[in-house]
Every structure is written in C-alpha cells, then in structure tokens.
C-alpha cells in the first residue's frame, strides 16, 4: 500500500494553481525579479522526520525573512531571554515589514520585522562576537535546523546589498536608540547575508518541525536549541510572523508561521508537523499567494488550527504480528491511542510496509480510544488501498472509532 499523503498534497497544489495567478514577484530586488513566478512546491515534515513533498521541491531559493525566527532562536540560546528583550520586544507592530516600528523606549517592536531582525542578528553568538563570528554562528545554527550545511547565494547577496538603503536607515535608527550594538554597516551586511542562505521547501518543513519538536531536528536528532527557546519563538511567530496580516493569518490558519519575499512560507505546529511552501508571487503584505492558500487548505482539511481543542496523543503502534505467528499468513497491525493526523500518518506507514500479496490483514483498533475526522479518513483510506492491493482486510473496531 502507498500512503495517500503525497497524493493529497498534490491535490492541494493543483487546487491552489487552479485558483489563479494573483500577485507579483519581489521585483525591487533585481535577482528576485528574474525568478520563475510559476514555481510551486509544498512539503510536510512529521515528528519522526518523514518528509513528504510535491511540485518544485528540489528548486532552491534564498531564505530571506524566513531566517528571522531561527536567528531569534539562536540569539535567545546564546544570550538568554532577558538580554534579548533589552534590545527587541515581542509585540505585534501592525506595520509593514520594512517600517520604522519602535516602542516609546526606542526598542524595535519584535524580531520578525526588519528593524528588529537587524538588531537580533548581532545578538547571535557570544557577548564579544565579531560580525564574522556572528555570521558563522548563524550559518552553523540554521544548518542545524535544516539538517544539512546551508550556503549563501552570493549573487542575491550582492543584489540585495546594492538595494539596502532602507535597511541601512533602519540600522542607524536602532543604533541611535542604543539598541544595536554593531556598526550599522556590519549589521546590514550580516543580515543581508543571512537572508541569502539557500534552502528548498523540504528544508523549510524540517526547520519548522525542529521548532515544533522542541528544538530537536527530527532527521539528525541534534538538539539545536533548548525547548524553552522554541516556545518563545513560536509565540512570537504566532502574533508577528506574517507582518500586518498576522491577525488574519492566526484566525484563519492558526499555525505559528513566517514568510519571506522570495516566496517561502513555513508553518510550525507544536508537537505535530512542520509545513514548507514556496511560490514566488506575493500579495500586498509580502506573503506568497499560493503558499498562503496551501497553508489555509492544510489547516482546514487536517484540523491543524492551534486553537482547535486537540485530542490527547499517545503512542500509535504497539504490536505487529508477522505471518508465521498466525500460521495462516495473516498480518495483524495493532494500534493504540488517539488517531489525529500525526498518529494516523505513522499508522499508514506501518500499513504501507505490508507486502503486496493476497495475505489477509487484520487492523486491530481495540486500544484506539478515539479518532478525529482526519485520523478516521486516513485510516479508512488505508483500508481501501489495502483492499485494492488484493488483501482481505478485517477491521476490529470495538469502540467504533471509524464510525461517523
């Protein structure tokens, strides 16, 4: 049996394409103005590091503002919460990403807008870090989140550097307010280089899942930052990550998220899933039109809204009975706990391992306490596909969790 998750993602992608091609690429950066506006990819990363992706998932692009939550995480891990809060606040600005948005104290309102991100850049690394050491720490740290070594796109870096006048003015403003420790030119160069790191949509999903998993990369098992850092970062992403569209995003999608002007969007749902989406056409807020559509669809279809009351999760698989144990070739898969998307996805992968022969399959749900709409649909689809593969399937469901 082949798990249906990729088929579903392809359906989401095709639906988003069919809704039209609104938006425009970020043409104020010369290198970004030359990108193919029709590229589109979606990826999911699960709690155990399984990555699903469709579309232009191997196409690489610069991370841009998607780097902000991860550099904020590094600054928190390196300097501590109190030190970072001395320089950058956590309040939503309600302003565009490149506005001069300061509190009365002169502190940038949050680390997700440019003036806050430029300030945060210099807080990565130890107290006495040089600009080069801060940048090295950022490359190392973001590579840890992605699970592979990231590199800078030098052409995009130079292109952005030549058009960084506004960011330079923001840096001087932060310096004048006593919030920026670095020389403004070094801060803007470092921030621009940070934004020029190259990723693909699968990287975004893994990075998002690392945040959602308490700082542990699900593929490498590296603890990139402490769990408390992830809680802080996700909280700020939830209220500030989508700029002046953050309120609409949180009410309609309900997943802590961040966007970037290259066309990427990532969503990080604590304990469940990391989402990456990419399409270069942007709306008036600087968010990818298609990527936002895809995240809306995923949230609505899979019940991923943060404010939706969750089922209590527990372990999924507790036993698989091999054919020889039954004596008649029957394979038995026993599940337990609560079936939501994350749990049902693991169960589907267990069913995916059933060989394509005509041996009977027993799906034992006697220890499954409940299933939400998504978990129920996924398990029923798994049963349907097993039958299409030629298996006789018997479902033991004494708690009627698969009934509507």
Protein backbone atom coordinates (compact mmCIF):
# COMPACT_ATOMS: atom_id res chain seq x y z
CA UNK A 1 0.00 0.00 0.00
CA UNK A 2 1.22 3.50 -0.83
CA UNK A 3 0.44 6.17 1.76
CA UNK A 4 -2.02 8.80 0.43
CA UNK A 5 -0.28 11.84 1.95
CA UNK A 6 1.64 12.75 -1.21
CA UNK A 7 -1.50 12.32 -3.33
CA UNK A 8 -3.32 14.69 -1.00
CA UNK A 9 -0.52 17.27 -1.18
CA UNK A 10 -0.60 17.11 -4.98
CA UNK A 11 -4.36 17.68 -4.90
CA UNK A 12 -3.83 20.74 -2.66
CA UNK A 13 -1.17 22.05 -5.01
CA UNK A 14 -3.34 21.63 -8.11
CA UNK A 15 -6.30 23.29 -6.43
CA UNK A 16 -4.19 26.30 -5.44
CA UNK A 17 -2.90 26.63 -9.01
CA UNK A 18 -6.43 26.45 -10.40
CA UNK A 19 -7.50 29.42 -8.27
CA UNK A 20 -5.44 31.80 -10.44
CA UNK A 21 -2.12 33.62 -10.58
CA UNK A 22 -2.60 36.73 -8.46
CA UNK A 23 0.36 38.56 -7.02
CA UNK A 24 3.79 39.58 -8.31
CA UNK A 25 7.40 38.68 -7.63
CA UNK A 26 9.59 40.90 -5.41
CA UNK A 27 10.95 42.97 -8.29
CA UNK A 28 12.59 45.60 -6.04
CA UNK A 29 15.44 43.10 -5.61
CA UNK A 30 16.95 42.59 -9.10
CA UNK A 31 17.91 38.92 -8.62
CA UNK A 32 14.45 38.05 -7.26
CA UNK A 33 12.79 39.85 -10.17
CA UNK A 34 14.27 37.23 -12.50
CA UNK A 35 12.78 34.15 -10.84
CA UNK A 36 10.22 31.88 -12.49
CA UNK A 37 6.89 33.02 -10.97
CA UNK A 38 5.17 29.70 -11.70
CA UNK A 39 7.28 27.51 -9.43
CA UNK A 40 5.25 25.97 -6.63
CA UNK A 41 6.08 23.33 -4.03
CA UNK A 42 4.60 22.08 -0.77
CA UNK A 43 6.25 19.88 1.88
CA UNK A 44 5.36 18.37 5.25
CA UNK A 45 7.73 17.01 7.89
CA UNK A 46 6.38 14.74 10.62
CA UNK A 47 7.53 14.29 14.20
CA UNK A 48 9.81 11.36 13.28
CA UNK A 49 11.46 13.12 10.32
CA UNK A 50 9.43 11.70 7.44
CA UNK A 51 9.22 14.34 4.71
CA UNK A 52 6.50 14.46 2.05
CA UNK A 53 6.84 16.92 -0.82
CA UNK A 54 5.30 17.71 -4.21
CA UNK A 55 5.90 20.14 -7.05
CA UNK A 56 9.18 22.00 -7.45
CA UNK A 57 10.51 20.52 -4.23
CA UNK A 58 14.13 20.36 -5.40
CA UNK A 59 14.22 24.00 -6.51
CA UNK A 60 16.37 26.10 -4.20
CA UNK A 61 15.78 29.73 -3.31
CA UNK A 62 17.03 32.24 -0.77
CA UNK A 63 15.55 32.02 2.70
CA UNK A 64 15.03 35.80 3.13
CA UNK A 65 12.84 36.70 6.14
CA UNK A 66 12.18 33.04 6.88
CA UNK A 67 15.57 33.22 8.60
CA UNK A 68 14.25 35.62 11.27
CA UNK A 69 12.68 33.17 13.73
CA UNK A 70 15.73 30.89 13.59
CA UNK A 71 18.24 33.68 14.19
CA UNK A 72 15.99 34.89 17.02
CA UNK A 73 16.18 31.36 18.43
CA UNK A 74 19.98 31.40 18.26
CA UNK A 75 20.14 34.80 19.95
CA UNK A 76 17.91 33.55 22.76
CA UNK A 77 20.01 30.41 23.19
CA UNK A 78 23.29 32.36 23.16
CA UNK A 79 22.38 35.46 25.19
CA UNK A 80 19.30 34.48 27.20
CA UNK A 81 15.78 35.87 27.17
CA UNK A 82 16.42 38.89 29.40
CA UNK A 83 19.36 40.12 27.30
CA UNK A 84 17.47 39.77 24.03
CA UNK A 85 14.40 41.52 25.47
CA UNK A 86 16.61 44.50 26.34
CA UNK A 87 17.11 45.02 22.61
CA UNK A 88 13.99 43.64 20.86
CA UNK A 89 10.37 43.42 22.03
CA UNK A 90 7.67 40.85 21.29
CA UNK A 91 4.62 42.98 20.46
CA UNK A 92 2.87 42.87 17.06
CA UNK A 93 3.64 46.02 15.10
CA UNK A 94 0.66 46.20 12.74
CA UNK A 95 3.14 47.71 10.27
CA UNK A 96 4.72 46.51 7.06
CA UNK A 97 7.96 44.52 7.43
CA UNK A 98 10.21 47.46 6.46
CA UNK A 99 8.64 50.21 8.58
CA UNK A 100 10.38 52.12 11.38
CA UNK A 101 8.46 50.37 14.13
CA UNK A 102 9.79 51.27 17.58
CA UNK A 103 8.34 51.35 21.08
CA UNK A 104 8.48 54.56 23.10
CA UNK A 105 11.68 53.23 24.66
CA UNK A 106 13.28 53.01 21.22
CA UNK A 107 13.23 49.21 21.22
CA UNK A 108 12.15 47.52 17.94
CA UNK A 109 8.68 46.05 18.48
CA UNK A 110 9.56 42.47 17.54
CA UNK A 111 12.26 40.36 15.81
CA UNK A 112 10.10 39.50 12.78
CA UNK A 113 10.18 42.98 11.21
CA UNK A 114 13.36 44.22 9.56
CA UNK A 115 14.44 46.70 12.21
CA UNK A 116 14.06 44.02 14.88
CA UNK A 117 15.75 41.35 12.79
CA UNK A 118 18.76 43.56 12.04
CA UNK A 119 19.10 44.17 15.76
CA UNK A 120 18.71 40.46 16.55
CA UNK A 121 21.37 39.47 14.00
CA UNK A 122 24.12 40.94 16.18
CA UNK A 123 22.92 39.02 19.24
CA UNK A 124 23.80 35.61 17.80
CA UNK A 125 26.97 34.17 19.24
CA UNK A 126 28.85 35.08 22.44
CA UNK A 127 28.80 38.54 24.01
CA UNK A 128 32.07 39.64 22.38
CA UNK A 129 31.43 38.06 18.96
CA UNK A 130 32.79 39.84 15.91
CA UNK A 131 30.48 40.31 12.88
CA UNK A 132 32.23 37.37 11.22
CA UNK A 133 31.72 35.16 14.28
CA UNK A 134 28.03 36.12 14.48
CA UNK A 135 27.58 35.19 10.82
CA UNK A 136 29.42 31.91 11.28
CA UNK A 137 27.17 31.09 14.23
CA UNK A 138 24.08 31.85 12.15
CA UNK A 139 25.17 29.64 9.26
CA UNK A 140 26.02 26.83 11.68
CA UNK A 141 22.76 27.24 13.59
CA UNK A 142 20.43 27.43 10.58
CA UNK A 143 22.24 24.44 9.08
CA UNK A 144 21.45 22.60 12.31
CA UNK A 145 17.76 23.45 11.94
CA UNK A 146 17.78 22.24 8.31
CA UNK A 147 19.85 19.12 8.95
CA UNK A 148 22.34 19.95 6.21
CA UNK A 149 25.00 22.59 5.52
CA UNK A 150 23.49 25.76 4.05
CA UNK A 151 25.35 28.12 1.75
CA UNK A 152 24.95 31.77 0.70
CA UNK A 153 23.78 32.78 -2.78
CA UNK A 154 26.41 35.42 -3.45
CA UNK A 155 24.56 36.87 -6.46
CA UNK A 156 21.42 37.50 -4.42
CA UNK A 157 23.52 38.86 -1.55
CA UNK A 158 25.19 41.44 -3.80
CA UNK A 159 21.86 42.29 -5.43
CA UNK A 160 20.20 42.95 -2.09
CA UNK A 161 23.23 44.74 -0.73
CA UNK A 162 23.02 47.25 -3.56
CA UNK A 163 19.38 47.99 -2.72
CA UNK A 164 19.66 48.02 1.09
CA UNK A 165 19.32 51.76 1.67
CA UNK A 166 16.13 51.44 3.69
CA UNK A 167 17.55 48.67 5.85
CA UNK A 168 20.62 50.81 6.40
CA UNK A 169 18.43 53.65 7.65
CA UNK A 170 16.67 51.21 10.00
CA UNK A 171 20.03 50.06 11.35
CA UNK A 172 21.14 53.64 12.03
CA UNK A 173 17.83 54.32 13.77
CA UNK A 174 18.27 51.24 16.01
CA UNK A 175 21.88 52.29 16.71
CA UNK A 176 20.76 55.83 17.60
CA UNK A 177 18.27 54.38 20.09
CA UNK A 178 21.02 52.34 21.77
CA UNK A 179 19.51 49.01 20.72
CA UNK A 180 22.02 47.94 18.04
CA UNK A 181 25.45 47.01 19.36
CA UNK A 182 27.14 46.51 15.97
CA UNK A 183 28.21 49.07 13.41
CA UNK A 184 25.12 49.62 11.19
CA UNK A 185 27.01 48.71 8.02
CA UNK A 186 28.21 45.43 9.52
CA UNK A 187 24.72 44.68 10.84
CA UNK A 188 23.04 45.23 7.47
CA UNK A 189 25.70 43.26 5.59
CA UNK A 190 25.31 40.38 8.04
CA UNK A 191 21.53 40.49 7.94
CA UNK A 192 21.56 40.57 4.13
CA UNK A 193 23.93 37.58 4.02
CA UNK A 194 21.69 35.74 6.50
CA UNK A 195 18.72 36.30 4.17
CA UNK A 196 20.74 34.97 1.21
CA UNK A 197 21.15 31.44 2.56
CA UNK A 198 19.82 28.86 0.10
CA UNK A 199 17.06 26.41 1.02
CA UNK A 200 14.37 24.32 -0.63
CA UNK A 201 10.84 23.60 0.51
CA UNK A 202 11.86 20.35 2.18
CA UNK A 203 14.42 22.27 4.26
CA UNK A 204 11.67 24.65 5.38
CA UNK A 205 9.48 21.76 6.52
CA UNK A 206 12.35 20.20 8.51
CA UNK A 207 13.31 23.55 10.05
CA UNK A 208 9.69 24.17 11.01
CA UNK A 209 9.40 20.70 12.55
CA UNK A 210 12.59 21.27 14.53
CA UNK A 211 10.93 24.29 16.12
CA UNK A 212 7.71 22.33 16.58
CA UNK A 213 9.63 19.47 18.17
CA UNK A 214 11.22 21.48 20.95
CA UNK A 215 14.46 22.22 19.11
CA UNK A 216 15.36 18.65 18.17
CA UNK A 217 15.99 18.08 14.49
CA UNK A 218 13.85 15.02 13.63
CA UNK A 219 16.29 13.78 10.99
CA UNK A 220 19.70 14.28 12.62
CA UNK A 221 18.44 14.04 16.23
CA UNK A 222 20.56 17.10 17.06
CA UNK A 223 19.22 19.33 19.85
CA UNK A 224 19.72 22.63 18.03
CA UNK A 225 18.26 24.93 20.71
CA UNK A 226 16.60 24.29 24.10
CA UNK A 227 12.83 23.66 24.24
CA UNK A 228 12.13 26.94 26.07
CA UNK A 229 13.62 28.83 23.14
CA UNK A 230 11.18 27.16 20.75
CA UNK A 231 8.24 28.11 22.96
CA UNK A 232 9.35 31.74 22.88
CA UNK A 233 9.96 31.77 19.13
CA UNK A 234 6.68 30.06 18.27
CA UNK A 235 4.80 32.51 20.48
CA UNK A 236 6.29 35.48 18.63
CA UNK A 237 5.72 33.82 15.25
CA UNK A 238 2.06 33.31 16.11
CA UNK A 239 1.48 37.02 16.66
CA UNK A 240 4.11 38.67 14.45
CA UNK A 241 5.31 36.21 11.82
CA UNK A 242 3.04 37.31 8.97
CA UNK A 243 3.58 41.05 9.47
CA UNK A 244 0.47 43.23 9.21
CA UNK A 245 -1.54 40.19 8.08
CA UNK A 246 -0.69 38.28 11.27
CA UNK A 247 -4.15 38.66 12.79
CA UNK A 248 -5.96 37.39 9.71
CA UNK A 249 -3.49 34.52 9.44
CA UNK A 250 -3.85 33.47 13.05
CA UNK A 251 -7.63 33.50 12.94
CA UNK A 252 -7.95 31.67 9.61
CA UNK A 253 -4.91 29.33 9.59
CA UNK A 254 -3.95 29.23 13.25
CA UNK A 255 -0.38 27.93 12.87
CA UNK A 256 2.73 29.87 14.00
CA UNK A 257 4.28 30.88 10.71
CA UNK A 258 6.80 33.03 8.87
CA UNK A 259 7.00 34.26 5.29
CA UNK A 260 9.77 35.60 3.07
CA UNK A 261 9.79 37.76 -0.07
CA UNK A 262 11.40 35.01 -2.16
CA UNK A 263 8.03 33.24 -1.89
CA UNK A 264 8.51 30.86 1.01
CA UNK A 265 6.14 30.27 3.91
CA UNK A 266 6.74 27.91 6.82
CA UNK A 267 4.31 26.78 9.48
CA UNK A 268 5.27 25.11 12.75
CA UNK A 269 2.53 23.35 14.73
CA UNK A 270 3.92 22.31 18.14
CA UNK A 271 4.29 18.58 18.58
CA UNK A 272 2.67 17.69 15.27
CA UNK A 273 4.02 18.94 11.98
CA UNK A 274 6.29 21.28 10.04
CA UNK A 275 5.00 22.83 6.81
CA UNK A 276 7.01 24.39 3.99
CA UNK A 277 5.51 26.01 0.90
CA UNK A 278 7.06 28.04 -1.91
CA UNK A 279 5.72 30.13 -4.77
CA UNK A 280 7.26 33.49 -5.78
CA UNK A 281 4.15 35.60 -6.46
CA UNK A 282 3.46 37.82 -3.42
CA UNK A 283 0.39 39.62 -2.13
CA UNK A 284 0.28 43.20 -0.84
CA UNK A 285 1.68 42.11 2.53
CA UNK A 286 4.74 40.40 1.00
CA UNK A 287 3.36 36.87 1.55
CA UNK A 288 3.26 34.21 -1.16
CA UNK A 289 -0.26 33.97 -2.61
CA UNK A 290 -0.16 30.25 -3.42
CA UNK A 291 1.77 29.27 -0.30
CA UNK A 292 -0.78 31.04 1.89
CA UNK A 293 -3.60 29.24 0.04
CA UNK A 294 -1.88 25.90 0.57
CA UNK A 295 -1.45 26.50 4.30
CA UNK A 296 -5.10 27.56 4.63
CA UNK A 297 -6.18 24.36 2.91
CA UNK A 298 -3.91 22.16 5.03
CA UNK A 299 -5.12 23.77 8.24
CA UNK A 300 -8.79 23.45 7.35
CA UNK A 301 -8.59 19.92 5.95
CA UNK A 302 -6.41 18.44 8.67
CA UNK A 303 -7.72 20.31 11.69
CA UNK A 304 -4.35 21.95 12.41
CA UNK A 305 -5.57 25.25 13.88
CA UNK A 306 -3.67 25.88 17.10
CA UNK A 307 -6.83 26.94 18.92
CA UNK A 308 -8.76 23.82 17.96
CA UNK A 309 -9.13 21.63 21.04
CA UNK A 310 -6.75 18.70 20.42
CA UNK A 311 -7.18 15.06 21.24
CA UNK A 312 -4.71 13.69 23.75
CA UNK A 313 -1.95 11.97 21.81
CA UNK A 314 -0.27 8.71 22.78
CA UNK A 315 1.87 6.06 21.15
CA UNK A 316 0.45 4.67 17.93
CA UNK A 317 1.84 1.23 17.29
CA UNK A 318 2.22 -1.36 19.98
CA UNK A 319 2.49 -4.63 18.06
CA UNK A 320 2.77 -6.11 14.59
CA UNK A 321 2.10 -9.83 14.28
CA UNK A 322 4.11 -11.40 11.49
CA UNK A 323 2.63 -14.10 9.19
CA UNK A 324 4.47 -17.00 10.86
CA UNK A 325 2.96 -16.12 14.23
CA UNK A 326 -0.54 -16.60 12.85
CA UNK A 327 0.19 -19.72 10.85
CA UNK A 328 -2.23 -18.78 8.05
CA UNK A 329 -0.34 -15.85 6.53
CA UNK A 330 -2.44 -13.23 8.30
CA UNK A 331 -0.69 -9.99 9.17
CA UNK A 332 -2.05 -8.14 12.17
CA UNK A 333 -1.39 -4.45 12.87
CA UNK A 334 -2.43 -3.27 16.32
CA UNK A 335 -2.83 0.43 17.08
CA UNK A 336 -3.43 2.33 20.27
CA UNK A 337 -4.08 5.87 21.44
CA UNK A 338 -5.80 8.75 19.69
CA UNK A 339 -5.85 8.97 15.92
CA UNK A 340 -5.24 12.51 14.65
CA UNK A 341 -3.15 13.34 11.58
CA UNK A 342 0.27 12.79 13.16
CA UNK A 343 -0.74 9.45 14.69
CA UNK A 344 -2.66 8.20 11.66
CA UNK A 345 0.26 9.08 9.38
CA UNK A 346 2.52 6.73 11.39
CA UNK A 347 -0.15 4.04 11.20
CA UNK A 348 -0.42 4.45 7.42
CA UNK A 349 3.31 3.98 7.06
CA UNK A 350 3.05 0.78 9.07
CA UNK A 351 0.33 -0.41 6.70
CA UNK A 352 2.46 0.72 3.76
CA UNK A 353 5.00 -1.92 4.80
CA UNK A 354 2.52 -4.76 4.25
CA UNK A 355 3.79 -6.73 1.21
CA UNK A 356 1.72 -6.63 -1.96
CA UNK A 357 0.38 -10.17 -1.84
CA UNK A 358 -3.03 -11.68 -1.12
CA UNK A 359 -2.41 -12.39 2.57
CA UNK A 360 -5.23 -11.33 4.93
CA UNK A 361 -4.67 -8.22 7.07
CA UNK A 362 -6.23 -7.55 10.47
CA UNK A 363 -6.31 -3.93 11.67
CA UNK A 364 -6.87 -4.08 15.43
CA UNK A 365 -8.25 -0.79 16.85
CA UNK A 366 -9.34 -2.21 20.19
CA UNK A 367 -6.85 0.03 22.01
CA UNK A 368 -7.64 3.15 19.99
CA UNK A 369 -9.58 5.45 22.28
CA UNK A 370 -10.82 7.91 19.65
CA UNK A 371 -10.20 9.29 16.17
CA UNK A 372 -10.85 12.79 14.87
CA UNK A 373 -12.24 13.40 11.40
CA UNK A 374 -8.82 13.46 9.74
CA UNK A 375 -7.49 10.36 11.52
CA UNK A 376 -10.68 8.46 10.67
CA UNK A 377 -10.47 9.40 6.99
CA UNK A 378 -6.81 8.44 6.78
CA UNK A 379 -7.34 5.01 8.34
CA UNK A 380 -10.34 4.30 6.11
CA UNK A 381 -8.28 5.30 3.07
CA UNK A 382 -5.53 2.93 4.21
CA UNK A 383 -8.06 0.08 4.45
CA UNK A 384 -9.39 0.93 0.99
CA UNK A 385 -5.91 0.86 -0.54
CA UNK A 386 -5.05 -2.43 1.11
CA UNK A 387 -8.15 -3.93 -0.48
CA UNK A 388 -7.15 -2.50 -3.87
CA UNK A 389 -3.80 -4.24 -3.41
CA UNK A 390 -5.66 -7.54 -3.17
CA UNK A 391 -5.76 -8.07 0.59
CA UNK A 392 -8.71 -9.34 2.55
CA UNK A 393 -8.98 -6.76 5.36
CA UNK A 394 -10.72 -7.25 8.68
CA UNK A 395 -11.07 -4.27 11.00
CA UNK A 396 -11.53 -4.98 14.70
CA UNK A 397 -13.12 -1.80 15.98
CA UNK A 398 -15.00 -2.48 19.24
CA UNK A 399 -15.02 1.22 20.17
CA UNK A 400 -16.50 2.17 16.74
CA UNK A 401 -13.87 4.86 16.27
CA UNK A 402 -14.17 4.64 12.48
CA UNK A 403 -17.91 5.34 12.56
CA UNK A 404 -19.02 8.90 11.78
